[in-house]
Amino acid sequence: MDILLSLGVNQTIGYHFLLFLVVYLFLANLLFKPYFQAFKKRVEHTSGSEQLAERLISEAEELHKEYEKKARAVNQEHKVIFDTHRSEALEEHEAVVRAAKEKAQTIIEESKRTIEREIDKARTEISKEVNSVSELIVNRVVGKDLA
């Protein structure tokens, strides 16, 4: 007991304890309880917001992956369509060039035949006139008519 008396504990300890209990209950109901309820709500709200944010981020990542997948599919479709139209255009171009070459070749061949006919015609006309022209030249050179 001497130890307790040396610490300053005396017969008023019961009153102090009772006063402490009354003040504690008063403060617990008036101050601590509302504070802990607000703290609990804040923690729930914060953790709920964190969970919501994590869920929204994961959903956004999934949507981003899905968008990229669909974009790749659309790009692939466009590439297939582009390649198809490109090959069709190249085939059509080759057909047009081939037809133009064939037409040019037929025109060239026709022109060659026409030129050959004209040359043959000119040769026959020249061969017909060779005798009369040669007689005319001889007459002028000799000065008389041989016939």
N, C-alpha and C. Protein backbone atom coordinates (compact mmCIF):
# COMPACT_ATOMS: atom_id res chain seq x y z
N MET A 1 0.79 -1.18 0.00
CA MET A 1 0.00 0.00 0.00
C MET A 1 0.85 1.27 0.00
N ASP A 2 2.01 1.12 0.56
CA ASP A 2 2.88 2.28 0.60
C ASP A 2 3.26 2.73 -0.81
N ILE A 3 3.36 1.79 -1.65
CA ILE A 3 3.71 2.12 -3.04
C ILE A 3 2.60 2.94 -3.66
N LEU A 4 1.37 2.54 -3.41
CA LEU A 4 0.24 3.27 -3.97
C LEU A 4 0.16 4.67 -3.37
N LEU A 5 0.43 4.78 -2.09
CA LEU A 5 0.38 6.08 -1.46
C LEU A 5 1.52 6.96 -1.97
N SER A 6 2.67 6.35 -2.25
CA SER A 6 3.77 7.13 -2.77
C SER A 6 3.48 7.62 -4.19
N LEU A 7 2.66 6.91 -4.91
CA LEU A 7 2.27 7.32 -6.27
C LEU A 7 1.15 8.36 -6.22
N GLY A 8 0.56 8.58 -5.13
CA GLY A 8 -0.48 9.58 -5.00
C GLY A 8 -1.87 8.97 -5.07
N VAL A 9 -1.97 7.68 -4.90
CA VAL A 9 -3.28 7.02 -4.93
C VAL A 9 -3.78 6.99 -3.48
N ASN A 10 -4.98 7.52 -3.28
CA ASN A 10 -5.55 7.54 -1.94
C ASN A 10 -7.01 7.09 -2.01
N GLN A 11 -7.80 7.44 -0.99
CA GLN A 11 -9.18 6.97 -0.92
C GLN A 11 -10.09 7.58 -1.97
N THR A 12 -9.63 8.58 -2.71
CA THR A 12 -10.46 9.21 -3.74
C THR A 12 -10.37 8.46 -5.07
N ILE A 13 -9.68 7.37 -5.10
CA ILE A 13 -9.52 6.61 -6.34
C ILE A 13 -10.86 6.13 -6.88
N GLY A 14 -11.76 5.77 -6.01
CA GLY A 14 -13.08 5.33 -6.43
C GLY A 14 -13.84 6.44 -7.12
N TYR A 15 -13.75 7.64 -6.56
CA TYR A 15 -14.42 8.79 -7.16
C TYR A 15 -13.80 9.12 -8.53
N HIS A 16 -12.51 9.04 -8.56
CA HIS A 16 -11.81 9.33 -9.83
C HIS A 16 -12.19 8.30 -10.90
N PHE A 17 -12.24 7.05 -10.47
CA PHE A 17 -12.61 5.99 -11.42
C PHE A 17 -14.04 6.18 -11.91
N LEU A 18 -14.95 6.50 -11.00
CA LEU A 18 -16.34 6.72 -11.36
C LEU A 18 -16.46 7.94 -12.27
N LEU A 19 -15.75 9.00 -11.94
CA LEU A 19 -15.77 10.20 -12.78
C LEU A 19 -15.19 9.90 -14.17
N PHE A 20 -14.11 9.13 -14.18
CA PHE A 20 -13.51 8.73 -15.46
C PHE A 20 -14.50 7.92 -16.30
N LEU A 21 -15.22 7.00 -15.66
CA LEU A 21 -16.19 6.17 -16.36
C LEU A 21 -17.33 7.01 -16.91
N VAL A 22 -17.83 7.95 -16.16
CA VAL A 22 -18.92 8.81 -16.62
C VAL A 22 -18.45 9.67 -17.78
N VAL A 23 -17.28 10.28 -17.65
CA VAL A 23 -16.76 11.12 -18.73
C VAL A 23 -16.49 10.28 -19.97
N TYR A 24 -15.95 9.07 -19.75
CA TYR A 24 -15.67 8.19 -20.90
C TYR A 24 -16.95 7.82 -21.63
N LEU A 25 -17.99 7.43 -20.91
CA LEU A 25 -19.27 7.07 -21.54
C LEU A 25 -19.87 8.28 -22.25
N PHE A 26 -19.77 9.44 -21.59
CA PHE A 26 -20.28 10.66 -22.21
C PHE A 26 -19.53 10.96 -23.51
N LEU A 27 -18.20 10.92 -23.45
CA LEU A 27 -17.40 11.21 -24.65
C LEU A 27 -17.54 10.11 -25.70
N ALA A 28 -17.69 8.87 -25.27
CA ALA A 28 -17.83 7.76 -26.21
C ALA A 28 -19.09 7.94 -27.04
N ASN A 29 -20.18 8.29 -26.39
CA ASN A 29 -21.44 8.45 -27.12
C ASN A 29 -21.49 9.75 -27.90
N LEU A 30 -20.89 10.77 -27.37
CA LEU A 30 -21.00 12.06 -27.99
C LEU A 30 -19.89 12.34 -29.01
N LEU A 31 -18.71 11.81 -28.80
CA LEU A 31 -17.58 12.16 -29.65
C LEU A 31 -17.00 10.94 -30.38
N PHE A 32 -16.65 9.91 -29.64
CA PHE A 32 -15.94 8.79 -30.25
C PHE A 32 -16.81 8.00 -31.21
N LYS A 33 -18.05 7.72 -30.81
CA LYS A 33 -18.95 6.91 -31.65
C LYS A 33 -19.23 7.60 -32.99
N PRO A 34 -19.62 8.89 -33.04
CA PRO A 34 -19.83 9.54 -34.34
C PRO A 34 -18.54 9.63 -35.17
N TYR A 35 -17.42 9.85 -34.45
CA TYR A 35 -16.15 9.92 -35.18
C TYR A 35 -15.83 8.58 -35.83
N PHE A 36 -15.97 7.48 -35.09
CA PHE A 36 -15.67 6.16 -35.65
C PHE A 36 -16.66 5.77 -36.74
N GLN A 37 -17.93 6.19 -36.60
CA GLN A 37 -18.90 5.92 -37.68
C GLN A 37 -18.51 6.68 -38.95
N ALA A 38 -18.13 7.94 -38.79
CA ALA A 38 -17.70 8.72 -39.96
C ALA A 38 -16.43 8.13 -40.56
N PHE A 39 -15.51 7.71 -39.67
CA PHE A 39 -14.28 7.08 -40.15
C PHE A 39 -14.58 5.78 -40.89
N LYS A 40 -15.49 4.98 -40.36
CA LYS A 40 -15.88 3.71 -40.99
C LYS A 40 -16.52 3.97 -42.36
N LYS A 41 -17.40 4.97 -42.42
CA LYS A 41 -18.03 5.31 -43.71
C LYS A 41 -16.98 5.78 -44.71
N ARG A 42 -16.05 6.59 -44.24
CA ARG A 42 -15.00 7.08 -45.12
C ARG A 42 -14.15 5.92 -45.64
N VAL A 43 -13.82 4.98 -44.77
CA VAL A 43 -13.04 3.81 -45.19
C VAL A 43 -13.84 2.98 -46.19
N GLU A 44 -15.12 2.76 -45.88
CA GLU A 44 -15.97 1.99 -46.81
C GLU A 44 -16.08 2.72 -48.15
N HIS A 45 -16.28 4.01 -48.08
CA HIS A 45 -16.41 4.79 -49.31
C HIS A 45 -15.11 4.77 -50.10
N THR A 46 -14.00 4.92 -49.39
CA THR A 46 -12.70 4.92 -50.06
C THR A 46 -12.40 3.55 -50.65
N SER A 47 -12.59 2.51 -49.86
CA SER A 47 -12.32 1.17 -50.38
C SER A 47 -13.32 0.82 -51.47
N GLY A 48 -14.57 1.26 -51.31
CA GLY A 48 -15.56 1.04 -52.37
C GLY A 48 -15.18 1.78 -53.63
N SER A 49 -14.68 3.01 -53.46
CA SER A 49 -14.25 3.78 -54.62
C SER A 49 -13.03 3.15 -55.26
N GLU A 50 -12.12 2.64 -54.44
CA GLU A 50 -10.95 1.97 -54.99
C GLU A 50 -11.36 0.73 -55.78
N GLN A 51 -12.28 -0.04 -55.20
CA GLN A 51 -12.76 -1.24 -55.90
C GLN A 51 -13.48 -0.84 -57.18
N LEU A 52 -14.29 0.20 -57.11
CA LEU A 52 -14.98 0.67 -58.30
C LEU A 52 -13.98 1.15 -59.34
N ALA A 53 -12.97 1.89 -58.89
CA ALA A 53 -11.95 2.39 -59.83
C ALA A 53 -11.20 1.22 -60.45
N GLU A 54 -10.84 0.23 -59.65
CA GLU A 54 -10.15 -0.94 -60.19
C GLU A 54 -11.03 -1.68 -61.19
N ARG A 55 -12.32 -1.83 -60.85
CA ARG A 55 -13.24 -2.50 -61.76
C ARG A 55 -13.40 -1.71 -63.06
N LEU A 56 -13.53 -0.38 -62.94
CA LEU A 56 -13.67 0.44 -64.14
C LEU A 56 -12.40 0.41 -64.98
N ILE A 57 -11.25 0.41 -64.33
CA ILE A 57 -9.99 0.33 -65.08
C ILE A 57 -9.89 -1.00 -65.80
N SER A 58 -10.24 -2.09 -65.12
CA SER A 58 -10.18 -3.40 -65.78
C SER A 58 -11.18 -3.47 -66.94
N GLU A 59 -12.38 -2.90 -66.74
CA GLU A 59 -13.36 -2.88 -67.84
C GLU A 59 -12.84 -2.04 -69.00
N ALA A 60 -12.20 -0.91 -68.69
CA ALA A 60 -11.65 -0.06 -69.75
C ALA A 60 -10.55 -0.79 -70.50
N GLU A 61 -9.72 -1.52 -69.78
CA GLU A 61 -8.66 -2.29 -70.44
C GLU A 61 -9.25 -3.38 -71.34
N GLU A 62 -10.30 -4.04 -70.84
CA GLU A 62 -10.96 -5.07 -71.65
C GLU A 62 -11.58 -4.45 -72.90
N LEU A 63 -12.23 -3.30 -72.72
CA LEU A 63 -12.83 -2.62 -73.88
C LEU A 63 -11.75 -2.18 -74.86
N HIS A 64 -10.62 -1.73 -74.34
CA HIS A 64 -9.51 -1.32 -75.21
C HIS A 64 -8.99 -2.51 -76.00
N LYS A 65 -8.83 -3.65 -75.33
CA LYS A 65 -8.38 -4.85 -76.02
C LYS A 65 -9.39 -5.28 -77.08
N GLU A 66 -10.67 -5.21 -76.72
CA GLU A 66 -11.72 -5.58 -77.67
C GLU A 66 -11.72 -4.63 -78.87
N TYR A 67 -11.55 -3.33 -78.59
CA TYR A 67 -11.49 -2.35 -79.67
C TYR A 67 -10.31 -2.63 -80.59
N GLU A 68 -9.14 -2.91 -79.99
CA GLU A 68 -7.97 -3.22 -80.81
C GLU A 68 -8.20 -4.46 -81.66
N LYS A 69 -8.84 -5.45 -81.07
CA LYS A 69 -9.13 -6.70 -81.80
C LYS A 69 -10.07 -6.41 -82.97
N LYS A 70 -11.12 -5.63 -82.71
CA LYS A 70 -12.06 -5.29 -83.79
C LYS A 70 -11.39 -4.41 -84.84
N ALA A 71 -10.53 -3.49 -84.39
CA ALA A 71 -9.83 -2.62 -85.34
C ALA A 71 -8.91 -3.45 -86.23
N ARG A 72 -8.24 -4.43 -85.64
CA ARG A 72 -7.39 -5.31 -86.46
C ARG A 72 -8.23 -6.08 -87.47
N ALA A 73 -9.40 -6.57 -87.02
CA ALA A 73 -10.28 -7.32 -87.92
C ALA A 73 -10.75 -6.43 -89.06
N VAL A 74 -11.14 -5.20 -88.74
CA VAL A 74 -11.60 -4.27 -89.78
C VAL A 74 -10.45 -3.94 -90.73
N ASN A 75 -9.25 -3.72 -90.17
CA ASN A 75 -8.09 -3.45 -91.03
C ASN A 75 -7.81 -4.63 -91.93
N GLN A 76 -7.95 -5.84 -91.41
CA GLN A 76 -7.72 -7.03 -92.22
C GLN A 76 -8.76 -7.11 -93.34
N GLU A 77 -10.02 -6.82 -93.00
CA GLU A 77 -11.08 -6.84 -94.02
C GLU A 77 -10.78 -5.80 -95.10
N HIS A 78 -10.37 -4.62 -94.68
CA HIS A 78 -10.06 -3.56 -95.65
C HIS A 78 -8.88 -3.96 -96.52
N LYS A 79 -7.91 -4.61 -95.91
CA LYS A 79 -6.73 -5.06 -96.67
C LYS A 79 -7.15 -6.09 -97.70
N VAL A 80 -8.02 -7.02 -97.31
CA VAL A 80 -8.48 -8.04 -98.25
C VAL A 80 -9.25 -7.39 -99.39
N ILE A 81 -10.14 -6.46 -99.05
CA ILE A 81 -10.92 -5.76 -100.08
C ILE A 81 -9.98 -4.96 -100.98
N PHE A 82 -9.03 -4.25 -100.39
CA PHE A 82 -8.08 -3.46 -101.17
C PHE A 82 -7.27 -4.35 -102.09
N ASP A 83 -6.76 -5.47 -101.54
CA ASP A 83 -5.96 -6.38 -102.37
C ASP A 83 -6.79 -6.98 -103.49
N THR A 84 -8.05 -7.30 -103.21
CA THR A 84 -8.93 -7.85 -104.24
C THR A 84 -9.15 -6.83 -105.35
N HIS A 85 -9.50 -5.62 -104.98
CA HIS A 85 -9.73 -4.58 -105.98
C HIS A 85 -8.45 -4.24 -106.73
N ARG A 86 -7.34 -4.27 -106.03
CA ARG A 86 -6.06 -3.98 -106.67
C ARG A 86 -5.73 -5.05 -107.71
N SER A 87 -5.93 -6.32 -107.34
CA SER A 87 -5.64 -7.39 -108.30
C SER A 87 -6.60 -7.34 -109.48
N GLU A 88 -7.87 -7.01 -109.20
CA GLU A 88 -8.83 -6.87 -110.30
C GLU A 88 -8.42 -5.72 -111.21
N ALA A 89 -8.00 -4.61 -110.61
CA ALA A 89 -7.58 -3.46 -111.42
C ALA A 89 -6.34 -3.80 -112.24
N LEU A 90 -5.40 -4.54 -111.64
CA LEU A 90 -4.21 -4.93 -112.39
C LEU A 90 -4.57 -5.86 -113.54
N GLU A 91 -5.49 -6.80 -113.29
CA GLU A 91 -5.93 -7.70 -114.36
C GLU A 91 -6.61 -6.91 -115.47
N GLU A 92 -7.47 -5.96 -115.07
CA GLU A 92 -8.15 -5.14 -116.07
C GLU A 92 -7.14 -4.29 -116.84
N HIS A 93 -6.16 -3.75 -116.13
CA HIS A 93 -5.12 -2.96 -116.78
C HIS A 93 -4.35 -3.81 -117.78
N GLU A 94 -3.99 -5.01 -117.35
CA GLU A 94 -3.26 -5.91 -118.25
C GLU A 94 -4.11 -6.27 -119.46
N ALA A 95 -5.42 -6.48 -119.25
CA ALA A 95 -6.30 -6.81 -120.37
C ALA A 95 -6.40 -5.63 -121.33
N VAL A 96 -6.51 -4.42 -120.80
CA VAL A 96 -6.60 -3.23 -121.65
C VAL A 96 -5.29 -3.05 -122.43
N VAL A 97 -4.16 -3.22 -121.74
CA VAL A 97 -2.87 -3.08 -122.41
C VAL A 97 -2.71 -4.16 -123.47
N ARG A 98 -3.10 -5.40 -123.13
CA ARG A 98 -3.01 -6.49 -124.10
C ARG A 98 -3.89 -6.21 -125.32
N ALA A 99 -5.12 -5.73 -125.08
CA ALA A 99 -6.02 -5.42 -126.19
C ALA A 99 -5.45 -4.28 -127.04
N ALA A 100 -4.87 -3.27 -126.36
CA ALA A 100 -4.28 -2.15 -127.10
C ALA A 100 -3.09 -2.62 -127.94
N LYS A 101 -2.28 -3.52 -127.38
CA LYS A 101 -1.15 -4.04 -128.13
C LYS A 101 -1.63 -4.86 -129.33
N GLU A 102 -2.67 -5.67 -129.10
CA GLU A 102 -3.20 -6.47 -130.21
C GLU A 102 -3.77 -5.56 -131.29
N LYS A 103 -4.49 -4.52 -130.87
CA LYS A 103 -5.06 -3.59 -131.84
C LYS A 103 -3.95 -2.86 -132.59
N ALA A 104 -2.92 -2.44 -131.84
CA ALA A 104 -1.79 -1.77 -132.49
C ALA A 104 -1.10 -2.72 -133.46
N GLN A 105 -0.96 -3.98 -133.07
CA GLN A 105 -0.33 -4.96 -133.95
C GLN A 105 -1.15 -5.17 -135.22
N THR A 106 -2.47 -5.25 -135.07
CA THR A 106 -3.32 -5.42 -136.27
C THR A 106 -3.24 -4.18 -137.15
N ILE A 107 -3.20 -3.00 -136.52
CA ILE A 107 -3.09 -1.77 -137.31
C ILE A 107 -1.76 -1.75 -138.05
N ILE A 108 -0.69 -2.16 -137.36
CA ILE A 108 0.63 -2.20 -138.00
C ILE A 108 0.63 -3.19 -139.16
N GLU A 109 0.06 -4.37 -138.93
CA GLU A 109 0.02 -5.38 -139.99
C GLU A 109 -0.82 -4.89 -141.17
N GLU A 110 -1.95 -4.27 -140.86
CA GLU A 110 -2.80 -3.74 -141.93
C GLU A 110 -2.06 -2.64 -142.69
N SER A 111 -1.34 -1.79 -141.95
CA SER A 111 -0.57 -0.73 -142.60
C SER A 111 0.52 -1.33 -143.48
N LYS A 112 1.18 -2.37 -143.00
CA LYS A 112 2.22 -3.04 -143.81
C LYS A 112 1.61 -3.61 -145.09
N ARG A 113 0.45 -4.24 -144.96
CA ARG A 113 -0.21 -4.80 -146.16
C ARG A 113 -0.60 -3.69 -147.12
N THR A 114 -1.12 -2.58 -146.57
CA THR A 114 -1.50 -1.46 -147.42
C THR A 114 -0.26 -0.90 -148.12
N ILE A 115 0.83 -0.75 -147.39
CA ILE A 115 2.07 -0.25 -148.00
C ILE A 115 2.56 -1.20 -149.07
N GLU A 116 2.51 -2.51 -148.80
CA GLU A 116 2.94 -3.51 -149.80
C GLU A 116 2.08 -3.39 -151.06
N ARG A 117 0.77 -3.24 -150.88
CA ARG A 117 -0.12 -3.09 -152.05
C ARG A 117 0.22 -1.84 -152.83
N GLU A 118 0.45 -0.74 -152.07
CA GLU A 118 0.80 0.52 -152.74
C GLU A 118 2.13 0.38 -153.49
N ILE A 119 3.09 -0.30 -152.88
CA ILE A 119 4.39 -0.50 -153.55
C ILE A 119 4.20 -1.35 -154.80
N ASP A 120 3.44 -2.42 -154.69
CA ASP A 120 3.18 -3.27 -155.86
C ASP A 120 2.46 -2.48 -156.95
N LYS A 121 1.49 -1.69 -156.56
CA LYS A 121 0.75 -0.88 -157.51
C LYS A 121 1.68 0.12 -158.19
N ALA A 122 2.55 0.77 -157.38
CA ALA A 122 3.50 1.73 -157.94
C ALA A 122 4.47 1.03 -158.88
N ARG A 123 4.93 -0.17 -158.56
CA ARG A 123 5.85 -0.91 -159.43
C ARG A 123 5.18 -1.26 -160.76
N THR A 124 3.93 -1.69 -160.68
CA THR A 124 3.25 -2.04 -161.94
C THR A 124 3.06 -0.80 -162.80
N GLU A 125 2.71 0.34 -162.16
CA GLU A 125 2.54 1.56 -162.94
C GLU A 125 3.87 2.02 -163.52
N ILE A 126 4.94 1.91 -162.72
CA ILE A 126 6.27 2.31 -163.21
C ILE A 126 6.70 1.39 -164.33
N SER A 127 6.44 0.09 -164.16
CA SER A 127 6.87 -0.84 -165.22
C SER A 127 6.09 -0.59 -166.52
N LYS A 128 4.85 -0.14 -166.42
CA LYS A 128 4.07 0.19 -167.62
C LYS A 128 4.64 1.43 -168.30
N GLU A 129 5.10 2.38 -167.50
CA GLU A 129 5.58 3.63 -168.06
C GLU A 129 7.06 3.59 -168.43
N VAL A 130 7.77 2.55 -168.07
CA VAL A 130 9.20 2.47 -168.34
C VAL A 130 9.47 2.52 -169.84
N ASN A 131 8.72 1.80 -170.60
CA ASN A 131 8.93 1.77 -172.07
C ASN A 131 8.70 3.15 -172.67
N SER A 132 7.60 3.77 -172.32
CA SER A 132 7.31 5.07 -172.92
C SER A 132 8.30 6.12 -172.45
N VAL A 133 8.73 6.08 -171.21
CA VAL A 133 9.68 7.05 -170.70
C VAL A 133 11.04 6.80 -171.34
N SER A 134 11.44 5.54 -171.46
CA SER A 134 12.74 5.25 -172.08
C SER A 134 12.75 5.69 -173.54
N GLU A 135 11.66 5.51 -174.27
CA GLU A 135 11.60 5.99 -175.66
C GLU A 135 11.69 7.50 -175.70
N LEU A 136 11.03 8.15 -174.78
CA LEU A 136 11.06 9.60 -174.72
C LEU A 136 12.47 10.09 -174.43
N ILE A 137 13.17 9.44 -173.54
CA ILE A 137 14.55 9.83 -173.21
C ILE A 137 15.45 9.61 -174.42
N VAL A 138 15.30 8.47 -175.03
CA VAL A 138 16.13 8.16 -176.21
C VAL A 138 15.84 9.19 -177.30
N ASN A 139 14.61 9.53 -177.55
CA ASN A 139 14.26 10.50 -178.58
C ASN A 139 14.86 11.86 -178.26
N ARG A 140 14.85 12.24 -177.09
CA ARG A 140 15.40 13.55 -176.75
C ARG A 140 16.92 13.52 -176.87
N VAL A 141 17.51 12.40 -176.44
CA VAL A 141 18.97 12.32 -176.54
C VAL A 141 19.38 12.25 -178.01
N VAL A 142 18.76 11.42 -178.76
CA VAL A 142 19.11 11.24 -180.18
C VAL A 142 18.49 12.38 -181.00
N GLY A 143 17.38 12.79 -180.63
CA GLY A 143 16.74 13.88 -181.34
C GLY A 143 15.80 13.41 -182.40
N LYS A 144 15.55 12.17 -182.56
CA LYS A 144 14.61 11.72 -183.56
C LYS A 144 13.69 10.66 -183.01
N ASP A 145 12.73 10.39 -183.81
CA ASP A 145 11.72 9.41 -183.45
C ASP A 145 12.11 8.07 -184.02
N LEU A 146 12.23 7.01 -183.18
CA LEU A 146 12.65 5.69 -183.63
C LEU A 146 11.47 4.88 -184.15
N ALA A 147 10.38 5.21 -183.92
CA ALA A 147 9.26 4.40 -184.33
C ALA A 147 8.85 4.56 -185.71
